[in-house]
Amino acid sequence: MNIETLNKADMLMKDIKYIEEQLEEVKNYHHYIIVSTPDLQNCCYSYRFQTELKEWLSTKKEEYQKEFDGLV
């Protein structure tokens, strides 16, 4: 494994971990995921947006996991 592949694997592992933690928090504590920018913070999106965001994160986690598995 070269350094570029190692860095990519590290990035994917961190993203997968953070996504899993966020989805678990939403599931276990019924919290919502915040999307913010420096000028617009702490805004609360609609239930529809939150649901679609959770679905998108789940899909991304699966994609990242497949990509990570393919590196080894």
N, C-alpha and C. Protein backbone atom coordinates (compact mmCIF):
# COMPACT_ATOMS: atom_id res chain seq x y z
N MET A 1 0.85 -1.18 0.00
CA MET A 1 0.00 0.00 0.00
C MET A 1 0.89 1.23 0.00
N ASN A 2 0.62 2.16 -0.89
CA ASN A 2 1.42 3.38 -0.94
C ASN A 2 0.81 4.45 -0.03
N ILE A 3 1.51 5.55 0.14
CA ILE A 3 1.08 6.60 1.08
C ILE A 3 -0.23 7.25 0.62
N GLU A 4 -0.43 7.38 -0.67
CA GLU A 4 -1.67 7.97 -1.19
C GLU A 4 -2.87 7.09 -0.83
N THR A 5 -2.72 5.80 -0.99
CA THR A 5 -3.79 4.85 -0.65
C THR A 5 -4.03 4.85 0.85
N LEU A 6 -2.96 4.92 1.62
CA LEU A 6 -3.08 4.97 3.07
C LEU A 6 -3.84 6.22 3.51
N ASN A 7 -3.52 7.35 2.94
CA ASN A 7 -4.21 8.60 3.27
C ASN A 7 -5.69 8.53 2.90
N LYS A 8 -5.98 7.93 1.75
CA LYS A 8 -7.36 7.78 1.31
C LYS A 8 -8.11 6.87 2.28
N ALA A 9 -7.49 5.78 2.69
CA ALA A 9 -8.11 4.86 3.64
C ALA A 9 -8.38 5.55 4.97
N ASP A 10 -7.45 6.35 5.43
CA ASP A 10 -7.62 7.09 6.68
C ASP A 10 -8.79 8.06 6.58
N MET A 11 -8.89 8.79 5.47
CA MET A 11 -9.97 9.74 5.27
C MET A 11 -11.32 9.01 5.25
N LEU A 12 -11.39 7.89 4.54
CA LEU A 12 -12.63 7.13 4.46
C LEU A 12 -13.02 6.59 5.83
N MET A 13 -12.05 6.07 6.58
CA MET A 13 -12.35 5.54 7.92
C MET A 13 -12.92 6.62 8.83
N LYS A 14 -12.33 7.80 8.80
CA LYS A 14 -12.82 8.90 9.64
C LYS A 14 -14.23 9.31 9.23
N ASP A 15 -14.46 9.46 7.92
CA ASP A 15 -15.79 9.85 7.46
C ASP A 15 -16.84 8.81 7.83
N ILE A 16 -16.51 7.55 7.65
CA ILE A 16 -17.44 6.47 8.00
C ILE A 16 -17.75 6.52 9.49
N LYS A 17 -16.74 6.70 10.30
CA LYS A 17 -16.92 6.76 11.76
C LYS A 17 -17.83 7.91 12.15
N TYR A 18 -17.58 9.10 11.59
CA TYR A 18 -18.39 10.28 11.94
C TYR A 18 -19.83 10.12 11.47
N ILE A 19 -20.02 9.58 10.28
CA ILE A 19 -21.37 9.37 9.78
C ILE A 19 -22.11 8.38 10.68
N GLU A 20 -21.45 7.28 11.04
CA GLU A 20 -22.07 6.30 11.92
C GLU A 20 -22.46 6.92 13.26
N GLU A 21 -21.58 7.74 13.82
CA GLU A 21 -21.86 8.38 15.11
C GLU A 21 -23.05 9.33 15.00
N GLN A 22 -23.11 10.10 13.91
CA GLN A 22 -24.23 11.02 13.74
C GLN A 22 -25.54 10.28 13.56
N LEU A 23 -25.53 9.24 12.75
CA LEU A 23 -26.76 8.48 12.53
C LEU A 23 -27.21 7.78 13.81
N GLU A 24 -26.29 7.30 14.61
CA GLU A 24 -26.63 6.68 15.89
C GLU A 24 -27.25 7.70 16.84
N GLU A 25 -26.69 8.90 16.87
CA GLU A 25 -27.23 9.94 17.73
C GLU A 25 -28.66 10.31 17.32
N VAL A 26 -28.89 10.40 16.03
CA VAL A 26 -30.24 10.69 15.54
C VAL A 26 -31.19 9.56 15.95
N LYS A 27 -30.74 8.33 15.78
CA LYS A 27 -31.58 7.17 16.09
C LYS A 27 -31.83 7.04 17.60
N ASN A 28 -30.79 7.13 18.39
CA ASN A 28 -30.90 6.86 19.83
C ASN A 28 -31.46 8.03 20.64
N TYR A 29 -31.14 9.25 20.24
CA TYR A 29 -31.52 10.42 21.03
C TYR A 29 -32.50 11.34 20.32
N HIS A 30 -32.88 10.98 19.10
CA HIS A 30 -33.82 11.78 18.30
C HIS A 30 -33.31 13.21 18.08
N HIS A 31 -31.99 13.33 18.01
CA HIS A 31 -31.40 14.63 17.68
C HIS A 31 -31.46 14.84 16.18
N TYR A 32 -31.22 16.04 15.76
CA TYR A 32 -31.19 16.32 14.33
C TYR A 32 -29.77 16.68 13.94
N ILE A 33 -29.49 16.56 12.67
CA ILE A 33 -28.17 16.88 12.14
C ILE A 33 -28.19 18.34 11.71
N ILE A 34 -27.17 19.06 12.09
CA ILE A 34 -27.08 20.48 11.76
C ILE A 34 -26.18 20.67 10.55
N VAL A 35 -26.66 21.45 9.62
CA VAL A 35 -25.87 21.87 8.46
C VAL A 35 -25.64 23.36 8.64
N SER A 36 -24.39 23.77 8.65
CA SER A 36 -24.13 25.18 8.90
C SER A 36 -22.98 25.70 8.06
N THR A 37 -22.92 26.99 7.97
CA THR A 37 -21.81 27.71 7.35
C THR A 37 -21.39 28.79 8.34
N PRO A 38 -20.26 29.43 8.13
CA PRO A 38 -19.84 30.45 9.08
C PRO A 38 -20.88 31.58 9.26
N ASP A 39 -21.59 31.92 8.20
CA ASP A 39 -22.56 33.02 8.30
C ASP A 39 -23.96 32.57 8.68
N LEU A 40 -24.25 31.30 8.53
CA LEU A 40 -25.59 30.79 8.85
C LEU A 40 -25.43 29.55 9.72
N GLN A 41 -25.60 29.75 11.01
CA GLN A 41 -25.41 28.65 11.94
C GLN A 41 -26.72 28.37 12.69
N ASN A 42 -26.84 27.15 13.16
CA ASN A 42 -27.96 26.74 14.01
C ASN A 42 -29.33 26.93 13.37
N CYS A 43 -29.42 26.75 12.08
CA CYS A 43 -30.73 26.80 11.45
C CYS A 43 -31.32 25.39 11.44
N CYS A 44 -32.59 25.31 11.58
CA CYS A 44 -33.26 24.02 11.66
C CYS A 44 -34.06 23.79 10.38
N TYR A 45 -33.71 22.73 9.69
CA TYR A 45 -34.39 22.40 8.44
C TYR A 45 -35.66 21.59 8.71
N SER A 46 -36.46 21.44 7.69
CA SER A 46 -37.72 20.72 7.80
C SER A 46 -37.50 19.23 8.09
N TYR A 47 -38.56 18.59 8.54
CA TYR A 47 -38.52 17.15 8.79
C TYR A 47 -38.17 16.41 7.51
N ARG A 48 -38.72 16.85 6.39
CA ARG A 48 -38.42 16.22 5.10
C ARG A 48 -36.93 16.29 4.80
N PHE A 49 -36.36 17.47 4.97
CA PHE A 49 -34.93 17.63 4.71
C PHE A 49 -34.11 16.73 5.62
N GLN A 50 -34.48 16.67 6.89
CA GLN A 50 -33.75 15.84 7.84
C GLN A 50 -33.82 14.36 7.45
N THR A 51 -34.99 13.92 7.02
CA THR A 51 -35.16 12.54 6.60
C THR A 51 -34.31 12.24 5.37
N GLU A 52 -34.33 13.14 4.39
CA GLU A 52 -33.53 12.94 3.18
C GLU A 52 -32.04 13.00 3.49
N LEU A 53 -31.66 13.85 4.42
CA LEU A 53 -30.25 13.95 4.82
C LEU A 53 -29.79 12.65 5.48
N LYS A 54 -30.60 12.06 6.33
CA LYS A 54 -30.26 10.79 6.95
C LYS A 54 -30.11 9.70 5.89
N GLU A 55 -31.01 9.68 4.93
CA GLU A 55 -30.93 8.69 3.85
C GLU A 55 -29.66 8.89 3.03
N TRP A 56 -29.34 10.14 2.73
CA TRP A 56 -28.15 10.46 1.95
C TRP A 56 -26.89 10.03 2.72
N LEU A 57 -26.85 10.33 4.02
CA LEU A 57 -25.70 9.94 4.82
C LEU A 57 -25.55 8.42 4.86
N SER A 58 -26.64 7.71 4.99
CA SER A 58 -26.59 6.25 5.00
C SER A 58 -26.04 5.72 3.68
N THR A 59 -26.50 6.29 2.59
CA THR A 59 -26.02 5.89 1.26
C THR A 59 -24.53 6.19 1.12
N LYS A 60 -24.11 7.36 1.55
CA LYS A 60 -22.69 7.74 1.46
C LYS A 60 -21.84 6.80 2.30
N LYS A 61 -22.31 6.46 3.49
CA LYS A 61 -21.56 5.55 4.36
C LYS A 61 -21.34 4.21 3.66
N GLU A 62 -22.37 3.70 3.02
CA GLU A 62 -22.25 2.44 2.29
C GLU A 62 -21.26 2.57 1.13
N GLU A 63 -21.34 3.68 0.40
CA GLU A 63 -20.41 3.91 -0.72
C GLU A 63 -18.98 3.99 -0.22
N TYR A 64 -18.77 4.73 0.86
CA TYR A 64 -17.42 4.88 1.41
C TYR A 64 -16.89 3.55 1.92
N GLN A 65 -17.77 2.74 2.53
CA GLN A 65 -17.35 1.44 3.05
C GLN A 65 -16.92 0.53 1.89
N LYS A 66 -17.67 0.53 0.80
CA LYS A 66 -17.31 -0.27 -0.38
C LYS A 66 -15.98 0.20 -0.95
N GLU A 67 -15.81 1.51 -1.02
CA GLU A 67 -14.55 2.07 -1.54
C GLU A 67 -13.39 1.67 -0.64
N PHE A 68 -13.59 1.76 0.68
CA PHE A 68 -12.55 1.37 1.63
C PHE A 68 -12.21 -0.10 1.49
N ASP A 69 -13.24 -0.94 1.41
CA ASP A 69 -13.02 -2.38 1.26
C ASP A 69 -12.24 -2.69 -0.01
N GLY A 70 -12.42 -1.90 -1.04
CA GLY A 70 -11.72 -2.12 -2.30
C GLY A 70 -10.26 -1.70 -2.26
N LEU A 71 -9.87 -0.95 -1.27
CA LEU A 71 -8.48 -0.49 -1.17
C LEU A 71 -7.55 -1.60 -0.68
N VAL A 72 -8.07 -2.50 0.08
CA VAL A 72 -7.23 -3.52 0.72
C VAL A 72 -7.00 -4.70 -0.18
